[in-house]
Structures are given as structure tokens and as C-alpha cells.
Amino acid sequence: MNIMLVSVTERTREIGIRKAIGAKKINILSQFLVEAVVLCLFGGLIGIVLGVAIGNLAGTALNSPALIPIDWVLIGFILCVIIGVSFGTYPAYKAANLDPIEALRYE
């Protein structure tokens, strides 16, 4: 959520320009929600790859067969999407409700 709040603050002028030329609240809201979900999915992907790699390395060290638990990978991705939506909602709502005039004055 902190990263998304900083992103909204840094892009206040951009949001103001988009709203001034006719962007609707739903457009800005969806932009920031998609950004939050993508960030969470990238983090989840890195975590899943590292987890599988470390698990398989430990398995080879213990003479155990290497396998990838597909069900846990899917659960991990689903949790990443849920976290992205839940923690991206407030920053996206804040960005969508900015006043275009005040956003253009921001600096």
C-alpha cells in the first residue's frame, strides 16, 4: 500500500492532466488497481520461483524427488491478486477522487 500511495503522490500532476482532458474516475481507479495487482503478481512470481528452487535444491540434497506443487502455486497467485486488490483499493480510490484543478497545481 505504501508503494502505491507514493506512486499516487508522485503522479498527482499526471492524474490531474488525465482528469482535465476527460478521464473518468473508473479509468483512474482501474489503472491503479491493475498496477497494484501486477506489482503483487511480480512479487509472488519471484517468491514462487525462489521457493520451488530452494525446495528442489533441498530435495536433491536429501535424495528426494523434485516436484512442483501446482496447487500451492495457484493458491500463491490467488493470494497475490487478493492482496493486490485489497491494498491497492485505498490508493486507487484516493487517486480517482483527486480534484483536477488542485492536482494540476500540485508541485
PDB file of N, CA and C in Angstrom:
ATOM      1  N   MET A   1       0.834  -1.187   0.000  1.00  0.00           N
ATOM      2  CA  MET A   1       0.000   0.000   0.000  1.00  0.00           C
ATOM      3  C   MET A   1       0.879   1.250   0.000  1.00  0.00           C
ATOM      4  N   ASN A   2       1.982   1.199   0.725  1.00  0.00           N
ATOM      5  CA  ASN A   2       2.890   2.347   0.775  1.00  0.00           C
ATOM      6  C   ASN A   2       3.441   2.692  -0.600  1.00  0.00           C
ATOM      7  N   ILE A   3       3.814   1.673  -1.346  1.00  0.00           N
ATOM      8  CA  ILE A   3       4.355   1.905  -2.683  1.00  0.00           C
ATOM      9  C   ILE A   3       3.296   2.565  -3.566  1.00  0.00           C
ATOM     10  N   MET A   4       2.071   2.106  -3.457  1.00  0.00           N
ATOM     11  CA  MET A   4       1.009   2.683  -4.276  1.00  0.00           C
ATOM     12  C   MET A   4       0.668   4.109  -3.837  1.00  0.00           C
ATOM     13  N   LEU A   5       0.712   4.387  -2.541  1.00  0.00           N
ATOM     14  CA  LEU A   5       0.465   5.752  -2.074  1.00  0.00           C
ATOM     15  C   LEU A   5       1.547   6.703  -2.572  1.00  0.00           C
ATOM     16  N   VAL A   6       2.790   6.248  -2.576  1.00  0.00           N
ATOM     17  CA  VAL A   6       3.886   7.066  -3.106  1.00  0.00           C
ATOM     18  C   VAL A   6       3.694   7.265  -4.608  1.00  0.00           C
ATOM     19  N   SER A   7       3.260   6.224  -5.296  1.00  0.00           N
ATOM     20  CA  SER A   7       3.014   6.335  -6.737  1.00  0.00           C
ATOM     21  C   SER A   7       1.919   7.360  -7.038  1.00  0.00           C
ATOM     22  N   VAL A   8       0.866   7.366  -6.240  1.00  0.00           N
ATOM     23  CA  VAL A   8      -0.202   8.350  -6.430  1.00  0.00           C
ATOM     24  C   VAL A   8       0.322   9.755  -6.181  1.00  0.00           C
ATOM     25  N   THR A   9       1.111   9.925  -5.125  1.00  0.00           N
ATOM     26  CA  THR A   9       1.658  11.243  -4.800  1.00  0.00           C
ATOM     27  C   THR A   9       2.595  11.741  -5.899  1.00  0.00           C
ATOM     28  N   GLU A  10       3.445  10.854  -6.415  1.00  0.00           N
ATOM     29  CA  GLU A  10       4.389  11.264  -7.457  1.00  0.00           C
ATOM     30  C   GLU A  10       3.693  11.566  -8.778  1.00  0.00           C
ATOM     31  N   ARG A  11       2.556  10.956  -9.024  1.00  0.00           N
ATOM     32  CA  ARG A  11       1.882  11.126 -10.307  1.00  0.00           C
ATOM     33  C   ARG A  11       0.631  11.989 -10.197  1.00  0.00           C
ATOM     34  N   THR A  12       0.599  12.867  -9.204  1.00  0.00           N
ATOM     35  CA  THR A  12      -0.553  13.724  -9.000  1.00  0.00           C
ATOM     36  C   THR A  12      -0.815  14.614 -10.219  1.00  0.00           C
ATOM     37  N   ARG A  13       0.237  15.191 -10.788  1.00  0.00           N
ATOM     38  CA  ARG A  13       0.049  16.047 -11.979  1.00  0.00           C
ATOM     39  C   ARG A  13      -0.481  15.234 -13.150  1.00  0.00           C
ATOM     40  N   GLU A  14       0.036  14.036 -13.329  1.00  0.00           N
ATOM     41  CA  GLU A  14      -0.451  13.174 -14.409  1.00  0.00           C
ATOM     42  C   GLU A  14      -1.939  12.865 -14.229  1.00  0.00           C
ATOM     43  N   ILE A  15      -2.334  12.591 -13.005  1.00  0.00           N
ATOM     44  CA  ILE A  15      -3.747  12.312 -12.716  1.00  0.00           C
ATOM     45  C   ILE A  15      -4.585  13.553 -13.011  1.00  0.00           C
ATOM     46  N   GLY A  16      -4.076  14.716 -12.623  1.00  0.00           N
ATOM     47  CA  GLY A  16      -4.783  15.964 -12.897  1.00  0.00           C
ATOM     48  C   GLY A  16      -4.953  16.213 -14.382  1.00  0.00           C
ATOM     49  N   ILE A  17      -3.921  15.957 -15.154  1.00  0.00           N
ATOM     50  CA  ILE A  17      -3.998  16.140 -16.606  1.00  0.00           C
ATOM     51  C   ILE A  17      -4.999  15.164 -17.205  1.00  0.00           C
ATOM     52  N   ARG A  18      -4.949  13.916 -16.772  1.00  0.00           N
ATOM     53  CA  ARG A  18      -5.893  12.917 -17.297  1.00  0.00           C
ATOM     54  C   ARG A  18      -7.331  13.289 -16.970  1.00  0.00           C
ATOM     55  N   LYS A  19      -7.566  13.770 -15.746  1.00  0.00           N
ATOM     56  CA  LYS A  19      -8.933  14.155 -15.365  1.00  0.00           C
ATOM     57  C   LYS A  19      -9.368  15.414 -16.115  1.00  0.00           C
ATOM     58  N   ALA A  20      -8.425  16.331 -16.360  1.00  0.00           N
ATOM     59  CA  ALA A  20      -8.754  17.567 -17.058  1.00  0.00           C
ATOM     60  C   ALA A  20      -9.144  17.313 -18.513  1.00  0.00           C
ATOM     61  N   ILE A  21      -8.580  16.276 -19.133  1.00  0.00           N
ATOM     62  CA  ILE A  21      -8.934  16.002 -20.530  1.00  0.00           C
ATOM     63  C   ILE A  21     -10.063  14.978 -20.651  1.00  0.00           C
ATOM     64  N   GLY A  22     -10.656  14.598 -19.514  1.00  0.00           N
ATOM     65  CA  GLY A  22     -11.872  13.804 -19.590  1.00  0.00           C
ATOM     66  C   GLY A  22     -11.831  12.398 -19.054  1.00  0.00           C
ATOM     67  N   ALA A  23     -10.775  12.011 -18.378  1.00  0.00           N
ATOM     68  CA  ALA A  23     -10.734  10.655 -17.817  1.00  0.00           C
ATOM     69  C   ALA A  23     -11.758  10.537 -16.690  1.00  0.00           C
ATOM     70  N   LYS A  24     -12.449   9.425 -16.656  1.00  0.00           N
ATOM     71  CA  LYS A  24     -13.446   9.193 -15.622  1.00  0.00           C
ATOM     72  C   LYS A  24     -12.790   8.567 -14.408  1.00  0.00           C
ATOM     73  N   LYS A  25     -13.500   8.617 -13.279  1.00  0.00           N
ATOM     74  CA  LYS A  25     -12.970   8.035 -12.042  1.00  0.00           C
ATOM     75  C   LYS A  25     -12.656   6.559 -12.210  1.00  0.00           C
ATOM     76  N   ILE A  26     -13.510   5.851 -12.913  1.00  0.00           N
ATOM     77  CA  ILE A  26     -13.317   4.411 -13.079  1.00  0.00           C
ATOM     78  C   ILE A  26     -12.046   4.106 -13.867  1.00  0.00           C
ATOM     79  N   ASN A  27     -11.666   4.979 -14.804  1.00  0.00           N
ATOM     80  CA  ASN A  27     -10.434   4.773 -15.572  1.00  0.00           C
ATOM     81  C   ASN A  27      -9.207   4.887 -14.679  1.00  0.00           C
ATOM     82  N   ILE A  28      -9.180   5.902 -13.842  1.00  0.00           N
ATOM     83  CA  ILE A  28      -8.039   6.114 -12.947  1.00  0.00           C
ATOM     84  C   ILE A  28      -8.015   5.036 -11.876  1.00  0.00           C
ATOM     85  N   LEU A  29      -9.182   4.690 -11.353  1.00  0.00           N
ATOM     86  CA  LEU A  29      -9.277   3.643 -10.347  1.00  0.00           C
ATOM     87  C   LEU A  29      -8.759   2.322 -10.900  1.00  0.00           C
ATOM     88  N   SER A  30      -9.178   1.965 -12.096  1.00  0.00           N
ATOM     89  CA  SER A  30      -8.737   0.694 -12.676  1.00  0.00           C
ATOM     90  C   SER A  30      -7.247   0.716 -13.012  1.00  0.00           C
ATOM     91  N   GLN A  31      -6.712   1.869 -13.417  1.00  0.00           N
ATOM     92  CA  GLN A  31      -5.281   1.959 -13.709  1.00  0.00           C
ATOM     93  C   GLN A  31      -4.456   1.629 -12.469  1.00  0.00           C
ATOM     94  N   PHE A  32      -4.814   2.221 -11.347  1.00  0.00           N
ATOM     95  CA  PHE A  32      -4.029   1.991 -10.135  1.00  0.00           C
ATOM     96  C   PHE A  32      -4.285   0.611  -9.533  1.00  0.00           C
ATOM     97  N   LEU A  33      -5.492   0.084  -9.685  1.00  0.00           N
ATOM     98  CA  LEU A  33      -5.752  -1.277  -9.206  1.00  0.00           C
ATOM     99  C   LEU A  33      -4.976  -2.302 -10.023  1.00  0.00           C
ATOM    100  N   VAL A  34      -4.945  -2.127 -11.329  1.00  0.00           N
ATOM    101  CA  VAL A  34      -4.184  -3.046 -12.175  1.00  0.00           C
ATOM    102  C   VAL A  34      -2.698  -2.954 -11.844  1.00  0.00           C
ATOM    103  N   GLU A  35      -2.208  -1.760 -11.615  1.00  0.00           N
ATOM    104  CA  GLU A  35      -0.802  -1.583 -11.253  1.00  0.00           C
ATOM    105  C   GLU A  35      -0.490  -2.295  -9.938  1.00  0.00           C
ATOM    106  N   ALA A  36      -1.374  -2.185  -8.949  1.00  0.00           N
ATOM    107  CA  ALA A  36      -1.154  -2.847  -7.666  1.00  0.00           C
ATOM    108  C   ALA A  36      -1.165  -4.362  -7.822  1.00  0.00           C
ATOM    109  N   VAL A  37      -2.084  -4.887  -8.613  1.00  0.00           N
ATOM    110  CA  VAL A  37      -2.152  -6.340  -8.812  1.00  0.00           C
ATOM    111  C   VAL A  37      -0.916  -6.838  -9.559  1.00  0.00           C
ATOM    112  N   VAL A  38      -0.470  -6.106 -10.570  1.00  0.00           N
ATOM    113  CA  VAL A  38       0.719  -6.513 -11.319  1.00  0.00           C
ATOM    114  C   VAL A  38       1.952  -6.513 -10.418  1.00  0.00           C
ATOM    115  N   LEU A  39       2.094  -5.494  -9.569  1.00  0.00           N
ATOM    116  CA  LEU A  39       3.226  -5.469  -8.638  1.00  0.00           C
ATOM    117  C   LEU A  39       3.192  -6.670  -7.697  1.00  0.00           C
ATOM    118  N   CYS A  40       2.015  -6.996  -7.195  1.00  0.00           N
ATOM    119  CA  CYS A  40       1.891  -8.146  -6.299  1.00  0.00           C
ATOM    120  C   CYS A  40       2.155  -9.458  -7.028  1.00  0.00           C
ATOM    121  N   LEU A  41       1.707  -9.563  -8.271  1.00  0.00           N
ATOM    122  CA  LEU A  41       1.956 -10.786  -9.032  1.00  0.00           C
ATOM    123  C   LEU A  41       3.441 -10.974  -9.336  1.00  0.00           C
ATOM    124  N   PHE A  42       4.145  -9.884  -9.641  1.00  0.00           N
ATOM    125  CA  PHE A  42       5.591  -9.998  -9.854  1.00  0.00           C
ATOM    126  C   PHE A  42       6.297 -10.449  -8.582  1.00  0.00           C
ATOM    127  N   GLY A  43       5.917  -9.865  -7.458  1.00  0.00           N
ATOM    128  CA  GLY A  43       6.497 -10.286  -6.182  1.00  0.00           C
ATOM    129  C   GLY A  43       6.162 -11.731  -5.874  1.00  0.00           C
ATOM    130  N   GLY A  44       4.918 -12.136  -6.133  1.00  0.00           N
ATOM    131  CA  GLY A  44       4.523 -13.521  -5.909  1.00  0.00           C
ATOM    132  C   GLY A  44       5.260 -14.477  -6.824  1.00  0.00           C
ATOM    133  N   LEU A  45       5.455 -14.084  -8.076  1.00  0.00           N
ATOM    134  CA  LEU A  45       6.179 -14.921  -9.029  1.00  0.00           C
ATOM    135  C   LEU A  45       7.627 -15.131  -8.574  1.00  0.00           C
ATOM    136  N   ILE A  46       8.255 -14.066  -8.130  1.00  0.00           N
ATOM    137  CA  ILE A  46       9.629 -14.183  -7.620  1.00  0.00           C
ATOM    138  C   ILE A  46       9.664 -15.105  -6.407  1.00  0.00           C
ATOM    139  N   GLY A  47       8.701 -14.952  -5.491  1.00  0.00           N
ATOM    140  CA  GLY A  47       8.648 -15.811  -4.313  1.00  0.00           C
ATOM    141  C   GLY A  47       8.401 -17.269  -4.655  1.00  0.00           C
ATOM    142  N   ILE A  48       7.519 -17.511  -5.613  1.00  0.00           N
ATOM    143  CA  ILE A  48       7.228 -18.887  -6.014  1.00  0.00           C
ATOM    144  C   ILE A  48       8.441 -19.528  -6.674  1.00  0.00           C
ATOM    145  N   VAL A  49       9.104 -18.794  -7.553  1.00  0.00           N
ATOM    146  CA  VAL A  49      10.291 -19.334  -8.230  1.00  0.00           C
ATOM    147  C   VAL A  49      11.393 -19.638  -7.207  1.00  0.00           C
ATOM    148  N   LEU A  50      11.624 -18.711  -6.285  1.00  0.00           N
ATOM    149  CA  LEU A  50      12.646 -18.959  -5.257  1.00  0.00           C
ATOM    150  C   LEU A  50      12.262 -20.128  -4.356  1.00  0.00           C
ATOM    151  N   GLY A  51      10.980 -20.213  -3.989  1.00  0.00           N
ATOM    152  CA  GLY A  51      10.530 -21.312  -3.136  1.00  0.00           C
ATOM    153  C   GLY A  51      10.687 -22.664  -3.797  1.00  0.00           C
ATOM    154  N   VAL A  52      10.308 -22.746  -5.077  1.00  0.00           N
ATOM    155  CA  VAL A  52      10.450 -24.010  -5.804  1.00  0.00           C
ATOM    156  C   VAL A  52      11.926 -24.357  -5.974  1.00  0.00           C
ATOM    157  N   ALA A  53      12.743 -23.361  -6.299  1.00  0.00           N
ATOM    158  CA  ALA A  53      14.175 -23.619  -6.493  1.00  0.00           C
ATOM    159  C   ALA A  53      14.828 -24.092  -5.201  1.00  0.00           C
ATOM    160  N   ILE A  54      14.559 -23.413  -4.110  1.00  0.00           N
ATOM    161  CA  ILE A  54      15.158 -23.811  -2.827  1.00  0.00           C
ATOM    162  C   ILE A  54      14.616 -25.171  -2.385  1.00  0.00           C
ATOM    163  N   GLY A  55      13.322 -25.404  -2.593  1.00  0.00           N
ATOM    164  CA  GLY A  55      12.743 -26.696  -2.250  1.00  0.00           C
ATOM    165  C   GLY A  55      13.343 -27.835  -3.053  1.00  0.00           C
ATOM    166  N   ASN A  56      13.553 -27.601  -4.335  1.00  0.00           N
ATOM    167  CA  ASN A  56      14.160 -28.636  -5.171  1.00  0.00           C
ATOM    168  C   ASN A  56      15.633 -28.844  -4.834  1.00  0.00           C
ATOM    169  N   LEU A  57      16.344 -27.780  -4.486  1.00  0.00           N
ATOM    170  CA  LEU A  57      17.744 -27.939  -4.048  1.00  0.00           C
ATOM    171  C   LEU A  57      17.814 -28.739  -2.755  1.00  0.00           C
ATOM    172  N   ALA A  58      16.915 -28.446  -1.833  1.00  0.00           N
ATOM    173  CA  ALA A  58      16.886 -29.208  -0.582  1.00  0.00           C
ATOM    174  C   ALA A  58      16.496 -30.651  -0.855  1.00  0.00           C
ATOM    175  N   GLY A  59      15.594 -30.865  -1.815  1.00  0.00           N
ATOM    176  CA  GLY A  59      15.195 -32.224  -2.169  1.00  0.00           C
ATOM    177  C   GLY A  59      16.333 -33.025  -2.767  1.00  0.00           C
ATOM    178  N   THR A  60      17.142 -32.400  -3.613  1.00  0.00           N
ATOM    179  CA  THR A  60      18.284 -33.113  -4.189  1.00  0.00           C
ATOM    180  C   THR A  60      19.347 -33.378  -3.139  1.00  0.00           C
ATOM    181  N   ALA A  61      19.485 -32.473  -2.183  1.00  0.00           N
ATOM    182  CA  ALA A  61      20.459 -32.700  -1.110  1.00  0.00           C
ATOM    183  C   ALA A  61      20.031 -33.860  -0.217  1.00  0.00           C
ATOM    184  N   LEU A  62      18.731 -34.082  -0.108  1.00  0.00           N
ATOM    185  CA  LEU A  62      18.212 -35.159   0.733  1.00  0.00           C
ATOM    186  C   LEU A  62      17.834 -36.398  -0.076  1.00  0.00           C
ATOM    187  N   ASN A  63      18.257 -36.442  -1.351  1.00  0.00           N
ATOM    188  CA  ASN A  63      17.956 -37.554  -2.255  1.00  0.00           C
ATOM    189  C   ASN A  63      16.457 -37.814  -2.361  1.00  0.00           C
ATOM    190  N   SER A  64      15.700 -36.756  -2.502  1.00  0.00           N
ATOM    191  CA  SER A  64      14.249 -36.819  -2.635  1.00  0.00           C
ATOM    192  C   SER A  64      13.877 -36.344  -4.040  1.00  0.00           C
ATOM    193  N   PRO A  65      12.794 -36.853  -4.594  1.00  0.00           N
ATOM    194  CA  PRO A  65      12.429 -36.400  -5.946  1.00  0.00           C
ATOM    195  C   PRO A  65      11.983 -34.940  -5.937  1.00  0.00           C
ATOM    196  N   ALA A  66      12.364 -34.232  -6.983  1.00  0.00           N
ATOM    197  CA  ALA A  66      11.986 -32.823  -7.123  1.00  0.00           C
ATOM    198  C   ALA A  66      10.603 -32.737  -7.740  1.00  0.00           C
ATOM    199  N   LEU A  67       9.735 -31.918  -7.149  1.00  0.00           N
ATOM    200  CA  LEU A  67       8.408 -31.727  -7.706  1.00  0.00           C
ATOM    201  C   LEU A  67       7.943 -30.312  -7.442  1.00  0.00           C
ATOM    202  N   ILE A  68       6.983 -29.888  -8.256  1.00  0.00           N
ATOM    203  CA  ILE A  68       6.416 -28.545  -8.127  1.00  0.00           C
ATOM    204  C   ILE A  68       4.956 -28.701  -7.718  1.00  0.00           C
ATOM    205  N   PRO A  69       4.595 -28.234  -6.530  1.00  0.00           N
ATOM    206  CA  PRO A  69       3.203 -28.363  -6.078  1.00  0.00           C
ATOM    207  C   PRO A  69       2.308 -27.323  -6.759  1.00  0.00           C
ATOM    208  N   ILE A  70       1.650 -27.746  -7.825  1.00  0.00           N
ATOM    209  CA  ILE A  70       0.839 -26.840  -8.643  1.00  0.00           C
ATOM    210  C   ILE A  70      -0.278 -26.203  -7.830  1.00  0.00           C
ATOM    211  N   ASP A  71      -0.896 -26.965  -6.923  1.00  0.00           N
ATOM    212  CA  ASP A  71      -1.990 -26.405  -6.132  1.00  0.00           C
ATOM    213  C   ASP A  71      -1.514 -25.256  -5.255  1.00  0.00           C
ATOM    214  N   TRP A  72      -0.323 -25.371  -4.680  1.00  0.00           N
ATOM    215  CA  TRP A  72       0.206 -24.292  -3.847  1.00  0.00           C
ATOM    216  C   TRP A  72       0.652 -23.094  -4.685  1.00  0.00           C
ATOM    217  N   VAL A  73       1.095 -23.346  -5.890  1.00  0.00           N
ATOM    218  CA  VAL A  73       1.445 -22.250  -6.800  1.00  0.00           C
ATOM    219  C   VAL A  73       0.189 -21.448  -7.142  1.00  0.00           C
ATOM    220  N   LEU A  74      -0.909 -22.140  -7.449  1.00  0.00           N
ATOM    221  CA  LEU A  74      -2.162 -21.455  -7.754  1.00  0.00           C
ATOM    222  C   LEU A  74      -2.690 -20.691  -6.543  1.00  0.00           C
ATOM    223  N   ILE A  75      -2.596 -21.299  -5.360  1.00  0.00           N
ATOM    224  CA  ILE A  75      -3.020 -20.607  -4.138  1.00  0.00           C
ATOM    225  C   ILE A  75      -2.177 -19.349  -3.931  1.00  0.00           C
ATOM    226  N   GLY A  76      -0.870 -19.438  -4.209  1.00  0.00           N
ATOM    227  CA  GLY A  76       0.009 -18.277  -4.083  1.00  0.00           C
ATOM    228  C   GLY A  76      -0.392 -17.150  -5.025  1.00  0.00           C
ATOM    229  N   PHE A  77      -0.712 -17.490  -6.275  1.00  0.00           N
ATOM    230  CA  PHE A  77      -1.136 -16.462  -7.228  1.00  0.00           C
ATOM    231  C   PHE A  77      -2.474 -15.845  -6.829  1.00  0.00           C
ATOM    232  N   ILE A  78      -3.388 -16.667  -6.365  1.00  0.00           N
ATOM    233  CA  ILE A  78      -4.692 -16.147  -5.942  1.00  0.00           C
ATOM    234  C   ILE A  78      -4.527 -15.198  -4.757  1.00  0.00           C
ATOM    235  N   LEU A  79      -3.677 -15.571  -3.805  1.00  0.00           N
ATOM    236  CA  LEU A  79      -3.422 -14.687  -2.665  1.00  0.00           C
ATOM    237  C   LEU A  79      -2.761 -13.384  -3.094  1.00  0.00           C
ATOM    238  N   CYS A  80      -1.886 -13.444  -4.085  1.00  0.00           N
ATOM    239  CA  CYS A  80      -1.251 -12.225  -4.596  1.00  0.00           C
ATOM    240  C   CYS A  80      -2.290 -11.288  -5.197  1.00  0.00           C
ATOM    241  N   VAL A  81      -3.236 -11.823  -5.930  1.00  0.00           N
ATOM    242  CA  VAL A  81      -4.284 -10.991  -6.515  1.00  0.00           C
ATOM    243  C   VAL A  81      -5.152 -10.384  -5.421  1.00  0.00           C
ATOM    244  N   ILE A  82      -5.515 -11.190  -4.421  1.00  0.00           N
ATOM    245  CA  ILE A  82      -6.337 -10.687  -3.317  1.00  0.00           C
ATOM    246  C   ILE A  82      -5.616  -9.574  -2.564  1.00  0.00           C
ATOM    247  N   ILE A  83      -4.345  -9.758  -2.295  1.00  0.00           N
ATOM    248  CA  ILE A  83      -3.564  -8.741  -1.587  1.00  0.00           C
ATOM    249  C   ILE A  83      -3.425  -7.484  -2.449  1.00  0.00           C
ATOM    250  N   GLY A  84      -3.184  -7.653  -3.747  1.00  0.00           N
ATOM    251  CA  GLY A  84      -3.068  -6.503  -4.641  1.00  0.00           C
ATOM    252  C   GLY A  84      -4.343  -5.682  -4.693  1.00  0.00           C
ATOM    253  N   VAL A  85      -5.483  -6.358  -4.759  1.00  0.00           N
ATOM    254  CA  VAL A  85      -6.759  -5.637  -4.815  1.00  0.00           C
ATOM    255  C   VAL A  85      -7.065  -4.984  -3.474  1.00  0.00           C
ATOM    256  N   SER A  86      -6.848  -5.725  -2.380  1.00  0.00           N
ATOM    257  CA  SER A  86      -7.213  -5.172  -1.072  1.00  0.00           C
ATOM    258  C   SER A  86      -6.325  -3.996  -0.671  1.00  0.00           C
ATOM    259  N   PHE A  87      -5.028  -4.089  -0.911  1.00  0.00           N
ATOM    260  CA  PHE A  87      -4.147  -2.999  -0.515  1.00  0.00           C
ATOM    261  C   PHE A  87      -3.974  -1.939  -1.602  1.00  0.00           C
ATOM    262  N   GLY A  88      -4.499  -2.173  -2.785  1.00  0.00           N
ATOM    263  CA  GLY A  88      -4.449  -1.168  -3.834  1.00  0.00           C
ATOM    264  C   GLY A  88      -5.724  -0.351  -3.940  1.00  0.00           C
ATOM    265  N   THR A  89      -6.762  -0.772  -3.217  1.00  0.00           N
ATOM    266  CA  THR A  89      -8.043  -0.080  -3.317  1.00  0.00           C
ATOM    267  C   THR A  89      -7.982   1.333  -2.769  1.00  0.00           C
ATOM    268  N   TYR A  90      -7.426   1.525  -1.579  1.00  0.00           N
ATOM    269  CA  TYR A  90      -7.380   2.865  -0.983  1.00  0.00           C
ATOM    270  C   TYR A  90      -6.561   3.843  -1.833  1.00  0.00           C
ATOM    271  N   PRO A  91      -5.334   3.504  -2.246  1.00  0.00           N
ATOM    272  CA  PRO A  91      -4.600   4.450  -3.097  1.00  0.00           C
ATOM    273  C   PRO A  91      -5.308   4.732  -4.423  1.00  0.00           C
ATOM    274  N   ALA A  92      -5.928   3.717  -5.010  1.00  0.00           N
ATOM    275  CA  ALA A  92      -6.638   3.927  -6.271  1.00  0.00           C
ATOM    276  C   ALA A  92      -7.849   4.830  -6.054  1.00  0.00           C
ATOM    277  N   TYR A  93      -8.560   4.631  -4.962  1.00  0.00           N
ATOM    278  CA  TYR A  93      -9.710   5.475  -4.637  1.00  0.00           C
ATOM    279  C   TYR A  93      -9.264   6.909  -4.383  1.00  0.00           C
ATOM    280  N   LYS A  94      -8.127   7.050  -3.690  1.00  0.00           N
ATOM    281  CA  LYS A  94      -7.593   8.382  -3.417  1.00  0.00           C
ATOM    282  C   LYS A  94      -7.213   9.088  -4.723  1.00  0.00           C
ATOM    283  N   ALA A  95      -6.608   8.354  -5.642  1.00  0.00           N
ATOM    284  CA  ALA A  95      -6.219   8.942  -6.928  1.00  0.00           C
ATOM    285  C   ALA A  95      -7.443   9.306  -7.756  1.00  0.00           C
ATOM    286  N   ALA A  96      -8.461   8.460  -7.728  1.00  0.00           N
ATOM    287  CA  ALA A  96      -9.650   8.712  -8.539  1.00  0.00           C
ATOM    288  C   ALA A  96     -10.450   9.906  -8.040  1.00  0.00           C
ATOM    289  N   ASN A  97     -10.335  10.230  -6.762  1.00  0.00           N
ATOM    290  CA  ASN A  97     -11.115  11.322  -6.190  1.00  0.00           C
ATOM    291  C   ASN A  97     -10.357  12.639  -6.090  1.00  0.00           C
ATOM    292  N   LEU A  98      -9.175  12.711  -6.696  1.00  0.00           N
ATOM    293  CA  LEU A  98      -8.441  13.973  -6.684  1.00  0.00           C
ATOM    294  C   LEU A  98      -9.180  15.019  -7.512  1.00  0.00           C
ATOM    295  N   ASP A  99      -9.142  16.240  -7.033  1.00  0.00           N
ATOM    296  CA  ASP A  99      -9.709  17.361  -7.779  1.00  0.00           C
ATOM    297  C   ASP A  99      -8.724  17.727  -8.890  1.00  0.00           C
ATOM    298  N   PRO A 100      -9.171  17.783 -10.150  1.00  0.00           N
ATOM    299  CA  PRO A 100      -8.222  18.049 -11.233  1.00  0.00           C
ATOM    300  C   PRO A 100      -7.508  19.389 -11.120  1.00  0.00           C
ATOM    301  N   ILE A 101      -8.176  20.400 -10.631  1.00  0.00           N
ATOM    302  CA  ILE A 101      -7.554  21.713 -10.518  1.00  0.00           C
ATOM    303  C   ILE A 101      -6.458  21.686  -9.455  1.00  0.00           C
ATOM    304  N   GLU A 102      -6.767  21.094  -8.303  1.00  0.00           N
ATOM    305  CA  GLU A 102      -5.761  21.001  -7.238  1.00  0.00           C
ATOM    306  C   GLU A 102      -4.612  20.084  -7.647  1.00  0.00           C
ATOM    307  N   ALA A 103      -4.917  19.030  -8.413  1.00  0.00           N
ATOM    308  CA  ALA A 103      -3.863  18.115  -8.864  1.00  0.00           C
ATOM    309  C   ALA A 103      -2.924  18.801  -9.853  1.00  0.00           C
ATOM    310  N   LEU A 104      -3.474  19.678 -10.688  1.00  0.00           N
ATOM    311  CA  LEU A 104      -2.617  20.392 -11.633  1.00  0.00           C
ATOM    312  C   LEU A 104      -1.749  21.431 -10.939  1.00  0.00           C
ATOM    313  N   ARG A 105      -2.212  21.971  -9.831  1.00  0.00           N
ATOM    314  CA  ARG A 105      -1.432  22.965  -9.070  1.00  0.00           C
ATOM    315  C   ARG A 105      -0.342  22.297  -8.227  1.00  0.00           C
ATOM    316  N   TYR A 106      -0.478  21.011  -7.983  1.00  0.00           N
ATOM    317  CA  TYR A 106       0.420  20.302  -7.065  1.00  0.00           C
ATOM    318  C   TYR A 106       1.854  20.324  -7.576  1.00  0.00           C
ATOM    319  N   GLU A 107       2.790  20.592  -6.706  1.00  0.00           N
ATOM    320  CA  GLU A 107       4.205  20.502  -7.059  1.00  0.00           C
ATOM    321  C   GLU A 107       5.064  20.597  -5.850  1.00  0.00           C
TER     322      GLU A 107
END
